[in-house]
Amino acid sequence: RLNRTPVMRDRTLACAKAAWNWHDPMSPNPWTAEKIPQRPPRERVLSKAELVALLERFRSADGTGRDIVELILLTGLRREEVSSARREEFDGNQWNLPSERMKGKRLHVVHLSNQAKLIVDRVLASHNSEWLFPSPRTQGPISPEFAYKWLKRGSATYTLHDIRRTFSTHLAENLVHDAVIDRVLAHAKVGVVRHYNHARLTEPARKAWQDWADYLELIAEN
């Protein structure tokens, strides 16, 4: 089973090596010779038919898992960034994700499309919690795994990150500039650009999010 899941094998192998070194650091570690299999390239992009099927599922479902996955689709955010959102992060059409919650450790401002804002407003109006998606079992936010489990219950052959990649690919195919794509996906700038380019690209980013949401709405209706 581990051979069929490279990520699990990678983590198991790392734990086995560490455990052996802790138990008997003076003897040769038998796990050293084990090779981690090369992971397949991450290239999965949803087809138009898969997007339509997902949108149809949104229409026939409700609940927290559905709302998180739809916000991931509309915003291009990671599952942890959506599931751990706080009420205080929302200001009108603006979603301000603080640096401590972002992979790149920088403030990320999402300009909500009309479609995304409807979801956020509806969810926030349904409870008084400080979290956008409060956990029914704890005082904190819902687990990031909740959205993944919801997706897999629909027999999806793709992941939540594949949805994010699909969003990025759609923007590129519609000739959206790489800088704008990096902006909406909160990719960190590298090299000299990181030090000299501090453009916020507010309007191009706002348009990218809204155009993507409008495209999804269009294919769902046709």
N, C-alpha and C. Protein backbone atom coordinates (compact mmCIF):
# COMPACT_ATOMS: atom_id res chain seq x y z
N ARG A 1 0.83 -1.21 0.00
CA ARG A 1 0.00 0.00 0.00
C ARG A 1 0.87 1.26 0.00
N LEU A 2 1.96 1.22 0.76
CA LEU A 2 2.83 2.40 0.82
C LEU A 2 3.48 2.67 -0.53
N ASN A 3 3.73 1.60 -1.30
CA ASN A 3 4.35 1.78 -2.61
C ASN A 3 3.44 2.53 -3.58
N ARG A 4 2.12 2.52 -3.31
CA ARG A 4 1.18 3.18 -4.20
C ARG A 4 0.96 4.64 -3.80
N THR A 5 1.49 5.04 -2.66
CA THR A 5 1.30 6.41 -2.19
C THR A 5 2.66 7.01 -1.85
N PRO A 6 3.31 7.67 -2.79
CA PRO A 6 4.67 8.20 -2.57
C PRO A 6 4.79 9.13 -1.38
N VAL A 7 3.79 9.98 -1.15
CA VAL A 7 3.87 10.92 -0.04
C VAL A 7 3.89 10.17 1.29
N MET A 8 3.02 9.15 1.42
CA MET A 8 2.99 8.36 2.66
C MET A 8 4.29 7.59 2.83
N ARG A 9 4.80 7.05 1.72
CA ARG A 9 6.06 6.31 1.80
C ARG A 9 7.20 7.23 2.22
N ASP A 10 7.21 8.44 1.70
CA ASP A 10 8.23 9.43 2.03
C ASP A 10 8.23 9.71 3.54
N ARG A 11 7.04 9.96 4.07
CA ARG A 11 6.93 10.29 5.49
C ARG A 11 7.24 9.09 6.38
N THR A 12 6.79 7.90 5.96
CA THR A 12 7.06 6.69 6.74
C THR A 12 8.54 6.39 6.78
N LEU A 13 9.20 6.54 5.64
CA LEU A 13 10.64 6.30 5.56
C LEU A 13 11.41 7.27 6.45
N ALA A 14 11.02 8.52 6.44
CA ALA A 14 11.69 9.52 7.29
C ALA A 14 11.53 9.17 8.76
N CYS A 15 10.33 8.74 9.15
CA CYS A 15 10.09 8.35 10.55
C CYS A 15 10.90 7.11 10.93
N ALA A 16 10.98 6.15 10.01
CA ALA A 16 11.74 4.93 10.29
C ALA A 16 13.22 5.23 10.48
N LYS A 17 13.77 6.08 9.63
CA LYS A 17 15.19 6.45 9.77
C LYS A 17 15.44 7.15 11.10
N ALA A 18 14.55 8.08 11.45
CA ALA A 18 14.72 8.82 12.70
C ALA A 18 14.59 7.90 13.90
N ALA A 19 13.63 6.97 13.85
CA ALA A 19 13.43 6.05 14.97
C ALA A 19 14.64 5.16 15.16
N TRP A 20 15.24 4.67 14.06
CA TRP A 20 16.41 3.80 14.17
C TRP A 20 17.59 4.58 14.76
N ASN A 21 17.80 5.80 14.28
CA ASN A 21 18.91 6.60 14.79
C ASN A 21 18.74 6.90 16.27
N TRP A 22 17.52 7.07 16.72
CA TRP A 22 17.28 7.31 18.14
C TRP A 22 17.48 6.05 18.95
N HIS A 23 17.04 4.90 18.42
CA HIS A 23 17.13 3.64 19.16
C HIS A 23 18.55 3.11 19.22
N ASP A 24 19.27 3.17 18.08
CA ASP A 24 20.61 2.59 18.02
C ASP A 24 21.49 3.42 17.09
N PRO A 25 21.93 4.59 17.56
CA PRO A 25 22.68 5.50 16.68
C PRO A 25 24.06 5.00 16.29
N MET A 26 24.58 3.99 16.98
CA MET A 26 25.94 3.53 16.70
C MET A 26 25.99 2.47 15.61
N SER A 27 24.88 1.85 15.26
CA SER A 27 24.89 0.80 14.25
C SER A 27 24.36 1.34 12.92
N PRO A 28 24.70 0.68 11.80
CA PRO A 28 24.24 1.14 10.48
C PRO A 28 22.72 1.17 10.40
N ASN A 29 22.22 2.19 9.81
CA ASN A 29 20.77 2.35 9.68
C ASN A 29 20.29 1.59 8.44
N PRO A 30 19.51 0.51 8.63
CA PRO A 30 19.08 -0.30 7.48
C PRO A 30 18.13 0.44 6.53
N TRP A 31 17.58 1.57 7.00
CA TRP A 31 16.64 2.29 6.17
C TRP A 31 17.32 3.25 5.19
N THR A 32 18.65 3.43 5.38
CA THR A 32 19.37 4.39 4.54
C THR A 32 19.36 3.99 3.07
N ALA A 33 19.39 2.70 2.80
CA ALA A 33 19.43 2.22 1.42
C ALA A 33 18.07 2.34 0.71
N GLU A 34 17.02 2.56 1.46
CA GLU A 34 15.70 2.69 0.84
C GLU A 34 15.62 3.98 0.01
N LYS A 35 15.10 3.87 -1.17
CA LYS A 35 14.98 5.01 -2.05
C LYS A 35 13.53 5.49 -2.12
N ILE A 36 13.36 6.79 -2.03
CA ILE A 36 12.02 7.36 -2.15
C ILE A 36 11.65 7.44 -3.63
N PRO A 37 10.53 6.87 -4.01
CA PRO A 37 10.15 6.91 -5.43
C PRO A 37 9.89 8.33 -5.90
N GLN A 38 10.23 8.56 -7.16
CA GLN A 38 10.02 9.89 -7.73
C GLN A 38 8.52 10.16 -7.84
N ARG A 39 8.11 11.33 -7.39
CA ARG A 39 6.71 11.68 -7.44
C ARG A 39 6.33 12.13 -8.85
N PRO A 40 5.13 11.78 -9.28
CA PRO A 40 4.69 12.23 -10.61
C PRO A 40 4.55 13.74 -10.63
N PRO A 41 4.76 14.37 -11.79
CA PRO A 41 4.63 15.83 -11.87
C PRO A 41 3.20 16.26 -11.57
N ARG A 42 3.07 17.41 -10.94
CA ARG A 42 1.75 17.92 -10.57
C ARG A 42 1.21 18.75 -11.73
N GLU A 43 0.47 18.09 -12.60
CA GLU A 43 -0.01 18.75 -13.81
C GLU A 43 -1.52 18.63 -13.99
N ARG A 44 -2.19 18.05 -13.04
CA ARG A 44 -3.63 17.78 -13.20
C ARG A 44 -4.43 19.07 -13.26
N VAL A 45 -5.19 19.23 -14.32
CA VAL A 45 -6.08 20.37 -14.50
C VAL A 45 -7.46 19.83 -14.84
N LEU A 46 -8.49 20.35 -14.20
CA LEU A 46 -9.84 19.88 -14.45
C LEU A 46 -10.30 20.27 -15.85
N SER A 47 -10.98 19.35 -16.52
CA SER A 47 -11.56 19.64 -17.82
C SER A 47 -12.83 20.47 -17.62
N LYS A 48 -13.33 21.02 -18.71
CA LYS A 48 -14.57 21.79 -18.62
C LYS A 48 -15.70 20.92 -18.12
N ALA A 49 -15.75 19.66 -18.57
CA ALA A 49 -16.80 18.75 -18.12
C ALA A 49 -16.71 18.49 -16.62
N GLU A 50 -15.49 18.37 -16.10
CA GLU A 50 -15.32 18.15 -14.66
C GLU A 50 -15.73 19.39 -13.87
N LEU A 51 -15.41 20.55 -14.39
CA LEU A 51 -15.84 21.79 -13.73
C LEU A 51 -17.36 21.87 -13.68
N VAL A 52 -18.02 21.55 -14.80
CA VAL A 52 -19.48 21.59 -14.85
C VAL A 52 -20.07 20.60 -13.85
N ALA A 53 -19.49 19.41 -13.78
CA ALA A 53 -19.99 18.40 -12.84
C ALA A 53 -19.84 18.87 -11.40
N LEU A 54 -18.72 19.54 -11.10
CA LEU A 54 -18.51 20.06 -9.75
C LEU A 54 -19.52 21.16 -9.45
N LEU A 55 -19.76 22.03 -10.40
CA LEU A 55 -20.73 23.12 -10.21
C LEU A 55 -22.14 22.57 -10.03
N GLU A 56 -22.47 21.51 -10.73
CA GLU A 56 -23.78 20.87 -10.56
C GLU A 56 -23.90 20.25 -9.17
N ARG A 57 -22.79 19.72 -8.68
CA ARG A 57 -22.80 19.17 -7.33
C ARG A 57 -23.02 20.26 -6.29
N PHE A 58 -22.43 21.43 -6.51
CA PHE A 58 -22.67 22.55 -5.61
C PHE A 58 -24.16 22.87 -5.53
N ARG A 59 -24.82 22.83 -6.67
CA ARG A 59 -26.24 23.19 -6.72
C ARG A 59 -27.10 22.20 -5.94
N SER A 60 -26.69 20.95 -5.90
CA SER A 60 -27.52 19.92 -5.26
C SER A 60 -27.10 19.62 -3.83
N ALA A 61 -26.10 20.34 -3.33
CA ALA A 61 -25.58 20.07 -1.98
C ALA A 61 -25.62 21.33 -1.15
N ASP A 62 -25.42 21.15 0.15
CA ASP A 62 -25.26 22.29 1.05
C ASP A 62 -24.32 21.87 2.17
N GLY A 63 -24.03 22.78 3.06
CA GLY A 63 -23.16 22.45 4.19
C GLY A 63 -21.78 23.05 4.08
N THR A 64 -21.01 22.86 5.15
CA THR A 64 -19.70 23.48 5.26
C THR A 64 -18.71 23.00 4.21
N GLY A 65 -18.67 21.69 3.97
CA GLY A 65 -17.73 21.16 2.98
C GLY A 65 -17.95 21.75 1.61
N ARG A 66 -19.19 21.85 1.22
CA ARG A 66 -19.54 22.44 -0.07
C ARG A 66 -19.06 23.88 -0.14
N ASP A 67 -19.33 24.66 0.91
CA ASP A 67 -19.00 26.09 0.90
C ASP A 67 -17.49 26.30 0.84
N ILE A 68 -16.73 25.48 1.56
CA ILE A 68 -15.27 25.63 1.54
C ILE A 68 -14.72 25.32 0.15
N VAL A 69 -15.17 24.22 -0.44
CA VAL A 69 -14.68 23.84 -1.77
C VAL A 69 -15.05 24.89 -2.80
N GLU A 70 -16.26 25.44 -2.72
CA GLU A 70 -16.66 26.46 -3.69
C GLU A 70 -15.84 27.73 -3.53
N LEU A 71 -15.50 28.10 -2.29
CA LEU A 71 -14.65 29.27 -2.09
C LEU A 71 -13.23 29.01 -2.58
N ILE A 72 -12.75 27.79 -2.43
CA ILE A 72 -11.44 27.44 -2.98
C ILE A 72 -11.46 27.60 -4.50
N LEU A 73 -12.55 27.14 -5.12
CA LEU A 73 -12.68 27.25 -6.56
C LEU A 73 -12.74 28.71 -7.01
N LEU A 74 -13.48 29.52 -6.30
CA LEU A 74 -13.69 30.92 -6.71
C LEU A 74 -12.49 31.81 -6.42
N THR A 75 -11.74 31.50 -5.37
CA THR A 75 -10.65 32.39 -4.96
C THR A 75 -9.26 31.89 -5.31
N GLY A 76 -9.10 30.57 -5.50
CA GLY A 76 -7.78 30.01 -5.74
C GLY A 76 -6.97 29.86 -4.47
N LEU A 77 -7.60 30.03 -3.32
CA LEU A 77 -6.88 29.89 -2.05
C LEU A 77 -6.65 28.42 -1.71
N ARG A 78 -5.72 28.19 -0.80
CA ARG A 78 -5.48 26.84 -0.30
C ARG A 78 -6.54 26.48 0.74
N ARG A 79 -6.72 25.17 0.96
CA ARG A 79 -7.80 24.74 1.86
C ARG A 79 -7.60 25.26 3.28
N GLU A 80 -6.34 25.31 3.76
CA GLU A 80 -6.09 25.80 5.11
C GLU A 80 -6.45 27.27 5.22
N GLU A 81 -6.20 28.01 4.15
CA GLU A 81 -6.47 29.45 4.16
C GLU A 81 -7.97 29.74 4.21
N VAL A 82 -8.76 28.88 3.59
CA VAL A 82 -10.21 29.06 3.60
C VAL A 82 -10.82 28.53 4.89
N SER A 83 -10.45 27.34 5.29
CA SER A 83 -11.09 26.71 6.45
C SER A 83 -10.80 27.44 7.75
N SER A 84 -9.67 28.15 7.83
CA SER A 84 -9.29 28.84 9.08
C SER A 84 -9.58 30.34 9.05
N ALA A 85 -10.43 30.77 8.14
CA ALA A 85 -10.74 32.20 8.03
C ALA A 85 -11.47 32.71 9.26
N ARG A 86 -11.18 33.94 9.66
CA ARG A 86 -11.85 34.59 10.78
C ARG A 86 -12.82 35.65 10.27
N ARG A 87 -13.84 35.90 11.04
CA ARG A 87 -14.84 36.91 10.69
C ARG A 87 -14.19 38.28 10.48
N GLU A 88 -13.22 38.60 11.30
CA GLU A 88 -12.59 39.92 11.26
C GLU A 88 -11.78 40.16 9.99
N GLU A 89 -11.52 39.12 9.22
CA GLU A 89 -10.73 39.27 8.00
C GLU A 89 -11.54 39.87 6.85
N PHE A 90 -12.86 39.90 7.00
CA PHE A 90 -13.71 40.35 5.90
C PHE A 90 -14.14 41.80 6.08
N ASP A 91 -13.95 42.56 5.01
CA ASP A 91 -14.31 43.98 5.02
C ASP A 91 -14.95 44.31 3.68
N GLY A 92 -16.26 44.22 3.61
CA GLY A 92 -16.95 44.44 2.35
C GLY A 92 -16.59 43.38 1.34
N ASN A 93 -16.10 43.82 0.18
CA ASN A 93 -15.67 42.88 -0.86
C ASN A 93 -14.23 42.41 -0.69
N GLN A 94 -13.61 42.81 0.40
CA GLN A 94 -12.19 42.52 0.60
C GLN A 94 -12.00 41.47 1.69
N TRP A 95 -11.14 40.49 1.39
CA TRP A 95 -10.79 39.45 2.36
C TRP A 95 -9.30 39.61 2.63
N ASN A 96 -8.96 40.03 3.85
CA ASN A 96 -7.57 40.30 4.21
C ASN A 96 -7.00 39.14 5.01
N LEU A 97 -6.19 38.34 4.37
CA LEU A 97 -5.58 37.19 5.04
C LEU A 97 -4.25 37.62 5.63
N PRO A 98 -4.10 37.58 6.96
CA PRO A 98 -2.87 38.06 7.60
C PRO A 98 -1.67 37.20 7.25
N SER A 99 -0.50 37.79 7.37
CA SER A 99 0.73 37.12 6.97
C SER A 99 0.95 35.80 7.69
N GLU A 100 0.55 35.71 8.96
CA GLU A 100 0.80 34.48 9.71
C GLU A 100 -0.03 33.31 9.21
N ARG A 101 -1.04 33.58 8.41
CA ARG A 101 -1.86 32.49 7.87
C ARG A 101 -1.47 32.10 6.45
N MET A 102 -0.53 32.84 5.88
CA MET A 102 -0.17 32.60 4.49
C MET A 102 1.14 31.82 4.38
N LYS A 103 1.23 30.98 3.39
CA LYS A 103 2.44 30.19 3.16
C LYS A 103 3.65 31.08 2.92
N GLY A 104 3.43 32.19 2.21
CA GLY A 104 4.52 33.12 1.92
C GLY A 104 4.79 34.13 3.01
N LYS A 105 4.01 34.05 4.11
CA LYS A 105 4.19 34.94 5.26
C LYS A 105 4.05 36.42 4.90
N ARG A 106 3.12 36.70 3.97
CA ARG A 106 2.83 38.08 3.61
C ARG A 106 1.32 38.26 3.55
N LEU A 107 0.87 39.47 3.91
CA LEU A 107 -0.55 39.78 3.83
C LEU A 107 -1.06 39.52 2.42
N HIS A 108 -2.19 38.84 2.32
CA HIS A 108 -2.79 38.56 1.01
C HIS A 108 -4.20 39.12 1.00
N VAL A 109 -4.48 40.00 0.05
CA VAL A 109 -5.80 40.61 -0.06
C VAL A 109 -6.54 39.98 -1.24
N VAL A 110 -7.66 39.34 -0.94
CA VAL A 110 -8.51 38.77 -1.97
C VAL A 110 -9.67 39.73 -2.21
N HIS A 111 -9.87 40.10 -3.46
CA HIS A 111 -11.02 40.93 -3.81
C HIS A 111 -12.13 39.99 -4.25
N LEU A 112 -13.09 39.80 -3.37
CA LEU A 112 -14.12 38.80 -3.59
C LEU A 112 -14.96 39.13 -4.81
N SER A 113 -15.17 38.12 -5.64
CA SER A 113 -16.12 38.27 -6.74
C SER A 113 -17.52 38.36 -6.13
N ASN A 114 -18.47 38.79 -6.92
CA ASN A 114 -19.85 38.86 -6.42
C ASN A 114 -20.34 37.51 -5.95
N GLN A 115 -19.95 36.46 -6.67
CA GLN A 115 -20.38 35.11 -6.33
C GLN A 115 -19.75 34.64 -5.01
N ALA A 116 -18.47 34.95 -4.82
CA ALA A 116 -17.80 34.54 -3.58
C ALA A 116 -18.35 35.31 -2.38
N LYS A 117 -18.64 36.59 -2.58
CA LYS A 117 -19.16 37.39 -1.48
C LYS A 117 -20.52 36.90 -1.01
N LEU A 118 -21.35 36.42 -1.93
CA LEU A 118 -22.65 35.86 -1.55
C LEU A 118 -22.49 34.70 -0.58
N ILE A 119 -21.50 33.85 -0.85
CA ILE A 119 -21.25 32.70 0.03
C ILE A 119 -20.78 33.17 1.39
N VAL A 120 -19.79 34.07 1.41
CA VAL A 120 -19.24 34.57 2.67
C VAL A 120 -20.32 35.24 3.50
N ASP A 121 -21.12 36.10 2.88
CA ASP A 121 -22.18 36.81 3.61
C ASP A 121 -23.20 35.83 4.19
N ARG A 122 -23.57 34.83 3.39
CA ARG A 122 -24.56 33.85 3.86
C ARG A 122 -24.03 33.06 5.05
N VAL A 123 -22.76 32.62 4.96
CA VAL A 123 -22.19 31.81 6.04
C VAL A 123 -22.04 32.64 7.31
N LEU A 124 -21.53 33.85 7.20
CA LEU A 124 -21.35 34.70 8.38
C LEU A 124 -22.68 35.04 9.04
N ALA A 125 -23.73 35.18 8.25
CA ALA A 125 -25.05 35.51 8.80
C ALA A 125 -25.70 34.33 9.50
N SER A 126 -25.14 33.13 9.30
CA SER A 126 -25.77 31.93 9.86
C SER A 126 -25.31 31.59 11.27
N HIS A 127 -24.30 32.34 11.79
CA HIS A 127 -23.79 32.06 13.14
C HIS A 127 -23.10 33.30 13.69
N ASN A 128 -22.68 33.22 14.96
CA ASN A 128 -22.02 34.35 15.63
C ASN A 128 -20.56 34.05 15.97
N SER A 129 -20.03 32.98 15.44
CA SER A 129 -18.66 32.58 15.76
C SER A 129 -17.64 33.56 15.19
N GLU A 130 -16.46 33.58 15.79
CA GLU A 130 -15.36 34.40 15.26
C GLU A 130 -14.78 33.79 14.00
N TRP A 131 -15.09 32.51 13.75
CA TRP A 131 -14.56 31.81 12.59
C TRP A 131 -15.60 31.81 11.47
N LEU A 132 -15.13 31.83 10.23
CA LEU A 132 -16.05 31.70 9.11
C LEU A 132 -16.69 30.32 9.12
N PHE A 133 -15.86 29.31 9.38
CA PHE A 133 -16.35 27.93 9.44
C PHE A 133 -15.98 27.32 10.79
N PRO A 134 -16.79 27.56 11.83
CA PRO A 134 -16.46 27.04 13.15
C PRO A 134 -16.64 25.52 13.23
N SER A 135 -15.78 24.90 14.01
CA SER A 135 -15.90 23.47 14.23
C SER A 135 -17.06 23.17 15.17
N PRO A 136 -17.86 22.15 14.88
CA PRO A 136 -18.95 21.79 15.80
C PRO A 136 -18.47 21.08 17.05
N ARG A 137 -17.19 20.72 17.09
CA ARG A 137 -16.66 19.92 18.20
C ARG A 137 -15.68 20.69 19.09
N THR A 138 -15.07 21.73 18.54
CA THR A 138 -14.07 22.48 19.30
C THR A 138 -14.43 23.96 19.29
N GLN A 139 -13.58 24.75 19.90
CA GLN A 139 -13.77 26.20 19.90
C GLN A 139 -13.06 26.87 18.73
N GLY A 140 -12.42 26.06 17.90
CA GLY A 140 -11.65 26.60 16.79
C GLY A 140 -12.34 26.44 15.46
N PRO A 141 -11.58 26.59 14.36
CA PRO A 141 -12.15 26.46 13.02
C PRO A 141 -12.28 24.99 12.63
N ILE A 142 -13.00 24.76 11.56
CA ILE A 142 -13.16 23.41 11.03
C ILE A 142 -11.81 22.90 10.53
N SER A 143 -11.62 21.60 10.54
CA SER A 143 -10.37 21.01 10.05
C SER A 143 -10.25 21.20 8.54
N PRO A 144 -9.03 21.47 8.04
CA PRO A 144 -8.83 21.59 6.60
C PRO A 144 -9.20 20.32 5.85
N GLU A 145 -9.15 19.17 6.55
CA GLU A 145 -9.46 17.90 5.91
C GLU A 145 -10.95 17.77 5.59
N PHE A 146 -11.78 18.60 6.20
CA PHE A 146 -13.22 18.51 6.01
C PHE A 146 -13.58 18.71 4.54
N ALA A 147 -12.98 19.69 3.91
CA ALA A 147 -13.27 19.98 2.50
C ALA A 147 -12.77 18.85 1.61
N TYR A 148 -11.60 18.30 1.94
CA TYR A 148 -11.04 17.21 1.14
C TYR A 148 -11.96 15.99 1.20
N LYS A 149 -12.46 15.68 2.38
CA LYS A 149 -13.35 14.53 2.52
C LYS A 149 -14.65 14.75 1.76
N TRP A 150 -15.15 15.99 1.77
CA TRP A 150 -16.37 16.29 1.02
C TRP A 150 -16.14 16.06 -0.47
N LEU A 151 -14.99 16.49 -0.95
CA LEU A 151 -14.68 16.33 -2.37
C LEU A 151 -14.60 14.86 -2.74
N LYS A 152 -13.95 14.06 -1.91
CA LYS A 152 -13.76 12.64 -2.22
C LYS A 152 -15.06 11.85 -2.10
N ARG A 153 -16.00 12.32 -1.30
CA ARG A 153 -17.29 11.63 -1.23
C ARG A 153 -18.02 11.69 -2.57
N GLY A 154 -17.67 12.63 -3.39
CA GLY A 154 -18.27 12.74 -4.72
C GLY A 154 -17.48 11.98 -5.77
N SER A 155 -16.55 11.12 -5.32
CA SER A 155 -15.74 10.29 -6.23
C SER A 155 -14.87 11.11 -7.16
N ALA A 156 -14.43 12.26 -6.70
CA ALA A 156 -13.55 13.10 -7.52
C ALA A 156 -12.19 12.43 -7.69
N THR A 157 -11.65 12.51 -8.89
CA THR A 157 -10.33 11.95 -9.17
C THR A 157 -9.25 13.03 -9.09
N TYR A 158 -9.61 14.21 -8.66
CA TYR A 158 -8.68 15.32 -8.55
C TYR A 158 -8.65 15.82 -7.11
N THR A 159 -7.69 16.66 -6.81
CA THR A 159 -7.51 17.17 -5.46
C THR A 159 -7.92 18.64 -5.38
N LEU A 160 -7.93 19.16 -4.17
CA LEU A 160 -8.23 20.58 -3.99
C LEU A 160 -7.14 21.44 -4.63
N HIS A 161 -5.91 20.98 -4.59
CA HIS A 161 -4.84 21.77 -5.20
C HIS A 161 -4.96 21.75 -6.72
N ASP A 162 -5.52 20.67 -7.27
CA ASP A 162 -5.77 20.63 -8.71
C ASP A 162 -6.79 21.71 -9.10
N ILE A 163 -7.72 21.99 -8.21
CA ILE A 163 -8.69 23.06 -8.47
C ILE A 163 -7.96 24.40 -8.54
N ARG A 164 -7.04 24.62 -7.63
CA ARG A 164 -6.24 25.85 -7.62
C ARG A 164 -5.42 25.96 -8.91
N ARG A 165 -4.85 24.83 -9.35
CA ARG A 165 -4.07 24.82 -10.58
C ARG A 165 -4.95 25.09 -11.80
N THR A 166 -6.18 24.61 -11.76
CA THR A 166 -7.12 24.85 -12.85
C THR A 166 -7.43 26.34 -12.98
N PHE A 167 -7.63 26.99 -11.85
CA PHE A 167 -7.87 28.44 -11.83
C PHE A 167 -6.69 29.17 -12.46
N SER A 168 -5.48 28.83 -12.05
CA SER A 168 -4.28 29.46 -12.59
C SER A 168 -4.15 29.23 -14.08
N THR A 169 -4.42 28.00 -14.51
CA THR A 169 -4.30 27.65 -15.92
C THR A 169 -5.32 28.42 -16.76
N HIS A 170 -6.53 28.54 -16.26
CA HIS A 170 -7.56 29.29 -16.98
C HIS A 170 -7.13 30.75 -17.17
N LEU A 171 -6.56 31.35 -16.15
CA LEU A 171 -6.10 32.73 -16.27
C LEU A 171 -5.01 32.84 -17.34
N ALA A 172 -4.07 31.90 -17.31
CA ALA A 172 -2.98 31.94 -18.29
C ALA A 172 -3.50 31.75 -19.71
N GLU A 173 -4.45 30.85 -19.89
CA GLU A 173 -5.00 30.60 -21.23
C GLU A 173 -5.78 31.81 -21.74
N ASN A 174 -6.23 32.66 -20.83
CA ASN A 174 -6.93 33.88 -21.23
C ASN A 174 -6.02 35.09 -21.20
N LEU A 175 -4.71 34.81 -21.30
CA LEU A 175 -3.68 35.84 -21.47
C LEU A 175 -3.59 36.81 -20.30
N VAL A 176 -3.92 36.34 -19.11
CA VAL A 176 -3.69 37.15 -17.92
C VAL A 176 -2.19 37.12 -17.62
N HIS A 177 -1.62 38.26 -17.34
CA HIS A 177 -0.17 38.38 -17.12
C HIS A 177 0.26 37.52 -15.94
N ASP A 178 1.46 36.94 -16.06
CA ASP A 178 2.00 36.09 -14.98
C ASP A 178 2.04 36.82 -13.65
N ALA A 179 2.34 38.12 -13.67
CA ALA A 179 2.40 38.89 -12.43
C ALA A 179 1.05 38.94 -11.74
N VAL A 180 -0.02 39.02 -12.53
CA VAL A 180 -1.37 39.04 -11.96
C VAL A 180 -1.73 37.66 -11.41
N ILE A 181 -1.35 36.61 -12.13
CA ILE A 181 -1.61 35.25 -11.65
C ILE A 181 -0.89 35.02 -10.32
N ASP A 182 0.37 35.44 -10.25
CA ASP A 182 1.12 35.31 -8.99
C ASP A 182 0.45 36.11 -7.89
N ARG A 183 -0.09 37.24 -8.25
CA ARG A 183 -0.78 38.09 -7.25
C ARG A 183 -2.01 37.40 -6.68
N VAL A 184 -2.87 36.84 -7.53
CA VAL A 184 -4.10 36.26 -7.02
C VAL A 184 -3.84 34.93 -6.30
N LEU A 185 -2.76 34.25 -6.64
CA LEU A 185 -2.42 32.99 -5.98
C LEU A 185 -1.49 33.18 -4.79
N ALA A 186 -1.10 34.43 -4.53
CA ALA A 186 -0.22 34.74 -3.41
C ALA A 186 1.13 34.03 -3.52
N HIS A 187 1.64 33.94 -4.74
CA HIS A 187 2.97 33.38 -4.93
C HIS A 187 4.00 34.43 -4.56
N ALA A 188 5.02 34.00 -3.86
CA ALA A 188 6.07 34.93 -3.43
C ALA A 188 6.93 35.35 -4.61
N LYS A 189 7.28 36.62 -4.66
CA LYS A 189 8.20 37.11 -5.69
C LYS A 189 9.60 36.58 -5.39
N VAL A 190 10.37 36.38 -6.44
CA VAL A 190 11.73 35.86 -6.25
C VAL A 190 12.72 36.80 -6.92
N GLY A 191 13.97 36.67 -6.53
CA GLY A 191 15.04 37.43 -7.14
C GLY A 191 14.93 38.93 -6.89
N VAL A 192 15.41 39.70 -7.87
CA VAL A 192 15.44 41.15 -7.76
C VAL A 192 14.04 41.72 -7.64
N VAL A 193 13.07 41.08 -8.32
CA VAL A 193 11.69 41.57 -8.31
C VAL A 193 11.17 41.68 -6.89
N ARG A 194 11.57 40.75 -6.04
CA ARG A 194 11.09 40.74 -4.65
C ARG A 194 11.44 42.03 -3.93
N HIS A 195 12.56 42.63 -4.27
CA HIS A 195 13.03 43.83 -3.57
C HIS A 195 12.56 45.13 -4.21
N TYR A 196 12.29 45.09 -5.54
CA TYR A 196 12.02 46.33 -6.24
C TYR A 196 10.59 46.49 -6.75
N ASN A 197 9.86 45.40 -6.85
CA ASN A 197 8.50 45.48 -7.37
C ASN A 197 7.50 45.25 -6.25
N HIS A 198 6.81 46.31 -5.84
CA HIS A 198 5.81 46.20 -4.78
C HIS A 198 4.42 46.58 -5.28
N ALA A 199 4.21 46.41 -6.59
CA ALA A 199 2.91 46.71 -7.17
C ALA A 199 1.84 45.80 -6.59
N ARG A 200 0.70 46.37 -6.23
CA ARG A 200 -0.38 45.58 -5.65
C ARG A 200 -1.31 45.00 -6.71
N LEU A 201 -1.31 45.56 -7.90
CA LEU A 201 -2.10 45.04 -9.02
C LEU A 201 -3.56 44.84 -8.63
N THR A 202 -4.10 45.80 -7.90
CA THR A 202 -5.45 45.66 -7.35
C THR A 202 -6.51 45.46 -8.41
N GLU A 203 -6.57 46.34 -9.39
CA GLU A 203 -7.63 46.26 -10.39
C GLU A 203 -7.49 45.04 -11.30
N PRO A 204 -6.28 44.74 -11.81
CA PRO A 204 -6.15 43.52 -12.62
C PRO A 204 -6.50 42.26 -11.83
N ALA A 205 -6.14 42.22 -10.54
CA ALA A 205 -6.47 41.06 -9.73
C ALA A 205 -7.97 40.96 -9.49
N ARG A 206 -8.59 42.08 -9.19
CA ARG A 206 -10.04 42.10 -8.99
C ARG A 206 -10.76 41.58 -10.24
N LYS A 207 -10.30 42.03 -11.41
CA LYS A 207 -10.91 41.61 -12.66
C LYS A 207 -10.71 40.12 -12.89
N ALA A 208 -9.53 39.61 -12.57
CA ALA A 208 -9.24 38.18 -12.76
C ALA A 208 -10.18 37.32 -11.93
N TRP A 209 -10.36 37.68 -10.67
CA TRP A 209 -11.27 36.92 -9.80
C TRP A 209 -12.71 36.98 -10.32
N GLN A 210 -13.17 38.17 -10.73
CA GLN A 210 -14.55 38.30 -11.19
C GLN A 210 -14.76 37.60 -12.53
N ASP A 211 -13.81 37.72 -13.44
CA ASP A 211 -13.93 37.06 -14.74
C ASP A 211 -14.00 35.54 -14.58
N TRP A 212 -13.21 35.01 -13.66
CA TRP A 212 -13.21 33.56 -13.40
C TRP A 212 -14.56 33.12 -12.85
N ALA A 213 -15.10 33.87 -11.91
CA ALA A 213 -16.40 33.54 -11.33
C ALA A 213 -17.50 33.62 -12.38
N ASP A 214 -17.42 34.63 -13.25
CA ASP A 214 -18.42 34.78 -14.31
C ASP A 214 -18.33 33.63 -15.31
N TYR A 215 -17.11 33.19 -15.59
CA TYR A 215 -16.92 32.05 -16.50
C TYR A 215 -17.56 30.79 -15.91
N LEU A 216 -17.34 30.54 -14.63
CA LEU A 216 -17.92 29.38 -13.98
C LEU A 216 -19.45 29.45 -14.02
N GLU A 217 -19.98 30.62 -13.79
CA GLU A 217 -21.42 30.80 -13.83
C GLU A 217 -21.97 30.54 -15.23
N LEU A 218 -21.22 30.96 -16.23
CA LEU A 218 -21.64 30.78 -17.62
C LEU A 218 -21.68 29.31 -18.01
N ILE A 219 -20.63 28.56 -17.70
CA ILE A 219 -20.61 27.16 -18.12
C ILE A 219 -21.59 26.32 -17.31
N ALA A 220 -21.92 26.77 -16.10
CA ALA A 220 -22.90 26.05 -15.29
C ALA A 220 -24.30 26.20 -15.86
N GLU A 221 -24.56 27.30 -16.54
CA GLU A 221 -25.90 27.57 -17.07
C GLU A 221 -26.08 27.00 -18.47
N ASN A 222 -24.98 26.70 -19.16
CA ASN A 222 -25.07 26.22 -20.55
C ASN A 222 -24.92 24.69 -20.64
